[in-house]
Each structure stands twice: as structure tokens, then as C-alpha cells.
């Protein structure tokens, strides 16, 4: 994890401040109370929110209703932006939070955001409810908190470190094992009570099985009796079915008699209707035979009609020609009249532009009059001729109409004569049908007599059916009583079988409980004698390994900060042991700088151990030190250069008011507080001198 930028809005002594964090070592410098530590608290708040017991009023600026922190991070290859807000109501609480991952922003709950941040940092799931303790000991631990850990009593310290290392799970395993063992004992006692009646249940099962066998033997006898009753009933039913067949046969004869009577009546009616129709046909045939018809007369009249139509067409054509000539002559007279009028009005020739001679005009007009007169004469002659032609056409049309009437009458006569043949044929067919009907009626009457004889013989079966029905009802009653006996006995057998099955199932489950009891006893014994010892052994081995690594790193960091006259290590409770010239020194007897050195060395060693055993966490590239040189002498301050170089992390953030530290880092961010408001004063960057 690398921190890129933070934006503070109404957080502690800040009104608004945007701050970017470069890669490498950075010092947050400024006087005491200038707002340096507030930046670190804001980073922790943005990552994890308010901690249990932490009040929002400690972060929200006094007198402000709302505040927020926006933190930009790089975790692995992902670009993360976290935003959390505070709002003052009756108290100051978290109000709103979002996360943006590679440009995709979403609003989620406070708890979900914390869990997601832990997931992104790859922190173990069990640290989700541990008040950011892993973050504090791997990234940022205020110096005073580390001193308090060192001064704590050994049991409290070891429990705290168990918590940090994540090996308090062994203690939980032992506690859970003790709880499980107690539960197993309780379960074993309960199951012992559940198998007390096992042998008695087995004896009861044997008795019920013997009684069930007796009932099954009785069932065989009752079922045999039922079988005989059923056979007697079936025999009676078969005899009744034979009688029913005879009755059905009688009913069929009855139906056949009715059908035959209907058929005879229908055929008789049909014969009478046919006779009536035949008489009518004979009368019609006599009338048609009086008609006379000659086929040649039709052809002669058709030829005459054709000749008349041709003459009519010729006269129509001639009439059309005369009408055309008359129209042409009338048109010419109109043109001549028009020319006469124009010439009478003309004074100057439009062609030669000379005066027109009156004599010339008179000659032209006379010529036009002569033409008009001649044309009128021709029109009169043509009109007379047209009237003559129209008279001839009317005569032809009259003759044509008469001929067509004669032809139509002849064709009707021809059609009626054709009907004569059809009627004669139909008459012959009706006479044949009537002969056939008479034969059918005679045969049907004979068949009817035979059916009536058979019906009389079958009527006796009606009485036999009633007698057999009474016998069948008696047989069915006896069979029903036998069925009731069988059903009752089967019900008793089913009931007993159910009891036996329930008892057998109870015994089976009790046997299973007995097996479970044996398993619980073995499991309880294994947990008490073997598993608990194994967990103690594993925990001890892990703690020895951790203590060895921790002690070695603690000594290495401590000796970098103080003179080599000291010999330091950790005891079994991870308590720092400081010796000088073979004498053990009490922590309280050390100078302020030496106590700070112990706390810082303890802090850096703890950081390396945790990053080693939790190698997948993604906070390994970041270390934050808050006032790590409190009480250091000038010599110790000079040694801080080597300590910072040995840390070898991508991003180191130090909070200190020591001016000398500025020469040990690549970047310096200076803060200043004026009128109760903190703000960024300046940022300087330079290479560290070796």
C-alpha cells in the first residue's frame, strides 16, 4: 500500500487541506500542535472508520456540522479512493462512505467498507474485529502506545502480542476444546439415558412379532372363506349375465320388429306416391305427343335470319355513308358563308395592299352563292335517299324479329319433346321401383312374423332375471361380510406391523445412539488426552520461533540506536531485557533517549516479524513513525540516518519536530498553525547525503 493524496475538510484543526505524499521518505515537520498527528489520524479514519470507544467529536472540527476525509491509495496495481464523512447530530457519527476502485465508484455501508479495505490489504479475516491492531503494529503505532506495551505486565503484553501475531487462535482453540469437551460429556450423559430401555424394547419386539404371525395365520383362513364367497357370487353373476344376454336378444327382437314395421310403412307410402307420380307422368306424355316438330324448319329459319342480318348491315353502312356526305356538304356551306362575309367586308388586299375591285367582290360572292345552292340541292337528294334506306331497315328489323320469334317457339317445342323422352324414362323407372317395393314389402311381412314368434319365446327370461337378481344380492351380502372380516384382520395386522416397524426403528436408532455414544466417548478421550497436548506443543513451538526472530531483530535495531555496551534480548513473555556489563537494567532506570530507543527498536522489530509471518499483507511498503526520536541525544539522532536507510521501504512517513531529521529524508512537508487553523506551509524535496 502506498499513500498518494489526502484531502481534509473540517478535521480537527484543519478547515480544508489537500496534501500529496511522494514515494520515498517524507517528514511531516512543524511545531508541537501544528497538526502533524492529525494527518495520521485522518489516514487511519479513512481506512477503517471510527474505532470502538473512539468519539467522532475528537476528529470533527469544533463548531462544524460536517467534515470529511478523502484518501487516495495505490494497493498493488489498483488505484483506490476512500471517502468518509462525519456529521454532528446529538453526537458526531459517521454519515457516508464511498470507495472508488480503478475509476468505478460505489456507495457502501461503513462495515462493508472496512471489510473491503481489509480484503484489499489482504489482512487475515480474523483481524476484522480487532480495532486495527494489525495496522497499528505493521504501519503506524504512536510512540507512546509502544512504550505502554513495554511497560505492561507480562501476561497483558503476551496476550496483546498473541493478538497481533494472530496466534491467539491457539488459545481460542483450547478454550473451544474445553467447551466442546463439556458439551460432549453432557451429550454422552443424555445418550446414556436414551439407551436404558434398549433390551426391554428388543423383548417387546419379539412378542409383537409372534402375535403378528398368529394374526397372519388367521388371515389365511378368512381369506379362503372370502374366496369361496367370491366364487359363488361370480357364478351367480355369470348365470345372470347369460339371462341378460337373452333379455338383450329379446330387446333386439323388439327393436327389430319396430324397425321392420316402420320400413314396411315407409315402403308402402313410397309405393303409393310412385303410383300417383306415374299417373301424372302419363298425362304429361299424352300432351307432349300431340306436338309436331321438324328439325329442317329450324335450320331454314336460321338461314333466313342470317340473310336479313347481312342486308341490315349493308343498309346501315350505306346510311352511315349518306349521313357523312350530308354533314360534309353542310360544313362546306358554312365555310362558303364565312368566305362571303369576309369578302364583303374587305377593302384592301392583305397580300398586295391594293384596293379590291367591287366587281371582283361581286363575282366571288355570286360564285359562293352558286356553290351553296348546289350543295343544298345535293343535301336534299341525300336526305330523301336516307329516308328510303331507313324505311328498308325498319322493314328488315320487323321481319328479323318475326323470324326470331318463330325460331324461339321451335326451340321450345324441341326442348319439350326432349322432356317427353325423359318423362317416359322416368315413368318406366318408377314402375320398376314399385315392382321391387311390392316384393320387399312381402319379404318384410314374412320377416316380421318370424320376429314376433322369437319375441314370444324370449319373454320368459324377464322372470328368470328377477329371481337371479335376488340370489346375486344374497351372495354379495355374504361376500361383503367376509370382506369386512378380512379388512378388519388386515387392519390389525397393519397396525401391529406399524408398531413393529416403529419399535424396530426405535431400536435401530437406539443402536445408532449407542454407536454415537461410543464415538463420543472416544472423541472426548482423544480431545482431553491428545489434542489439547498437541495444541500446547504447537503454540509453544510457534512462540519460540517468533520470540527468537523478534529478539534478534530487536537487538539489531536497538544496537543501531545506542552504544554497543548494551546487550539486549527478549524473555519468554517478550519483555525487553537490557543488560550492561552483565547487569540487568530496569526499563524505568534508562534515560529518556534509551527508553525511546527501546520502544522504537521494539516497534521496528515487531513490524518486520509481522510482515514476515503475514507475508501476503499489502502494507509492507509503508511505515509511519510518530515522534520516533523523542528524548534522543544528538548522537542518537545521527544514528537515525542509518535506521531510516535500513528500513528499505518504498514509502516512509515520519512525524517529528526535530529539525535534524530533515536532513535524513527525501521530502519535507512543513505545517503551521495560525489562529487555531492548521495549514500546509511549504514542501521541499532533496536527495539524502550519504
Foldseek 3Di string as FASTA:
>chain_A
DFWAKKWKDQWALANTFIDGADWFEEEAAEDPPLCSVSVVVLVVCQQQNAFVVGFPVNTGHPPDFKIKMWTWDQFPNKTKIKIWMWGADVGIHTDWIWMAINRRIDTDDSLVRNQVSCVSLVPDPVCSNVRCLLCCLQFNPALVVLLVLLVDDLVVNLVSVCVNLVVCVLVVVLVVLVVVLVVLVVLLVVLVVLLPCLVVLVVVLVVLVVVLVVLVVVLVVLVVVLVVLVVLLVVLVVVLVVLVVLVVVLVVLVVVLVVLVVVLVVLVVLLVVLVVLLVVLVVLLVVLVPDDADPVVLVVLVVVLVVLVVLLVVLVVVLVVLVVLLVVLVVLLVVLVVVLVVLVPDQADPPPRHGDDPVVNVVSNVVSVVSNVVSVVSSVVSVVVSVVSVVVSVVSVVVSVVSVVVSVVNVVSVVSNVVSVVSVVVSVVSVVSSVVSVVVSVVSVVVSVVSVVSSVVSPVSVVVSVVSVVVSVVSVVVSVVSVVVSVVSVVVSVVSVVVSVVSVVSSVVSVVSVVVSVVSVVVSCCSVPPVSVVSVVVSVVVLVVLQVQLFVQLQVQLCLQDPPQWDWGADSSRNIWIDGPNRTDDLVPDAPQSNLSSSLSSSLSSNVSSCVSSVSRRCLQHHEYEASRVRGDPSSVVSVLVVSVVSPHRYYYYYHNDPSCVLSIFKYWYWRADPSHIHTDDMDGDDHDD
